[in-house]
Amino acid sequence: MMPGRYSCPGTAWTREYYGYLMTTSSTRESQTEYLCVDRHAQPLPGAYQASAEVGGHVGHVKVNCMQGTGDIHNCPEAENARELACVVCTI
């Protein structure tokens, strides 16, 4: 899994799927596992209610730009708070 991209690096790799980087927590301090969720993923019928009962929510990982700081994370305003892409590749 490679975060921040839609394509695999080079011709030796095969793209299995691409989508959005997600995590099981909304707070930065407790994010410990990241998932690449296919952009065409669909929930199972009734899955939302079941996951809500056991705390199984996932959410998008978003770009956090540091505007005007000159930091490496500096990016255009339009990119701030956008969902981060990911790709799953095999070799």
Protein backbone atom coordinates (compact mmCIF):
# COMPACT_ATOMS: atom_id res chain seq x y z
CA MET A 1 0.00 0.00 0.00
CA MET A 2 1.40 3.37 -1.01
CA PRO A 3 -0.24 6.51 0.36
CA GLY A 4 -0.48 9.76 -1.55
CA ARG A 5 -0.63 8.34 -5.07
CA TYR A 6 -2.91 6.72 -7.65
CA SER A 7 -0.33 4.79 -9.64
CA CYS A 8 2.44 2.31 -8.94
CA PRO A 9 6.13 3.27 -9.21
CA GLY A 10 7.42 1.82 -12.46
CA THR A 11 6.48 -0.95 -14.84
CA ALA A 12 7.49 -3.82 -12.55
CA TRP A 13 4.50 -3.11 -10.31
CA THR A 14 0.85 -4.02 -10.99
CA ARG A 15 -1.91 -1.79 -9.64
CA GLU A 16 -4.50 -3.93 -7.85
CA TYR A 17 -6.73 -0.98 -6.92
CA TYR A 18 -6.62 2.61 -5.78
CA GLY A 19 -8.82 4.65 -3.53
CA TYR A 20 -8.69 6.61 -0.30
CA LEU A 21 -6.47 6.35 2.74
CA MET A 22 -8.63 5.80 5.82
CA THR A 23 -8.09 5.25 9.52
CA THR A 24 -10.14 3.97 12.43
CA SER A 25 -9.74 7.13 14.49
CA SER A 26 -10.49 10.79 13.94
CA THR A 27 -7.80 12.04 16.31
CA ARG A 28 -4.24 12.24 15.09
CA GLU A 29 -2.75 10.97 18.36
CA SER A 30 -4.69 7.69 18.27
CA GLN A 31 -4.36 6.84 14.56
CA THR A 32 -2.45 3.58 14.54
CA GLU A 33 -3.78 1.68 11.54
CA TYR A 34 -4.27 2.96 8.03
CA LEU A 35 -6.29 1.25 5.31
CA CYS A 36 -6.41 1.79 1.57
CA VAL A 37 -10.12 1.52 0.76
CA ASP A 38 -11.06 0.91 -2.87
CA ARG A 39 -12.77 3.91 -4.46
CA HIS A 40 -15.61 1.59 -5.55
CA ALA A 41 -16.12 0.01 -2.11
CA GLN A 42 -19.73 -0.44 -0.99
CA PRO A 43 -20.94 -1.17 2.55
CA LEU A 44 -22.73 -4.40 3.28
CA PRO A 45 -26.46 -3.99 4.01
CA GLY A 46 -26.86 -3.33 7.74
CA ALA A 47 -23.09 -3.01 8.27
CA TYR A 48 -23.26 0.61 9.42
CA GLN A 49 -25.57 -0.18 12.34
CA ALA A 50 -23.48 -3.19 13.38
CA SER A 51 -20.21 -1.25 13.22
CA ALA A 52 -21.70 1.67 15.18
CA GLU A 53 -22.55 -0.70 18.01
CA VAL A 54 -18.95 -1.91 18.36
CA GLY A 55 -17.19 1.35 17.51
CA GLY A 56 -15.99 0.24 14.08
CA HIS A 57 -16.03 3.55 12.26
CA VAL A 58 -13.43 4.54 9.67
CA GLY A 59 -12.79 7.97 8.24
CA HIS A 60 -10.78 9.66 5.53
CA VAL A 61 -7.22 10.79 6.18
CA LYS A 62 -7.01 14.39 5.01
CA VAL A 63 -4.12 16.59 3.88
CA ASN A 64 -3.17 19.15 6.53
CA CYS A 65 -1.35 22.04 4.90
CA MET A 66 0.64 24.54 6.93
CA GLN A 67 -0.14 27.70 5.01
CA GLY A 68 2.55 30.35 4.92
CA THR A 69 5.02 28.54 7.18
CA GLY A 70 7.54 27.59 4.51
CA ASP A 71 7.28 24.07 5.90
CA ILE A 72 7.58 20.96 3.74
CA HIS A 73 3.79 20.46 4.19
CA ASN A 74 3.02 23.79 2.53
CA CYS A 75 0.58 23.33 -0.38
CA PRO A 76 -2.01 25.32 -2.36
CA GLU A 77 -5.17 26.34 -0.46
CA ALA A 78 -7.27 24.11 -2.73
CA GLU A 79 -5.36 21.05 -1.47
CA ASN A 80 -5.94 21.71 2.24
CA ALA A 81 -8.34 19.24 3.93
CA ARG A 82 -8.64 17.02 0.82
CA GLU A 83 -8.87 13.27 1.21
CA LEU A 84 -5.55 11.50 0.70
CA ALA A 85 -5.34 8.94 -2.11
CA CYS A 86 -3.63 5.57 -1.95
CA VAL A 87 -2.80 2.68 -4.24
CA VAL A 88 -2.27 -1.04 -3.61
CA CYS A 89 0.40 -2.55 -5.85
CA THR A 90 1.95 -5.98 -6.26
CA ILE A 91 5.23 -6.93 -7.85
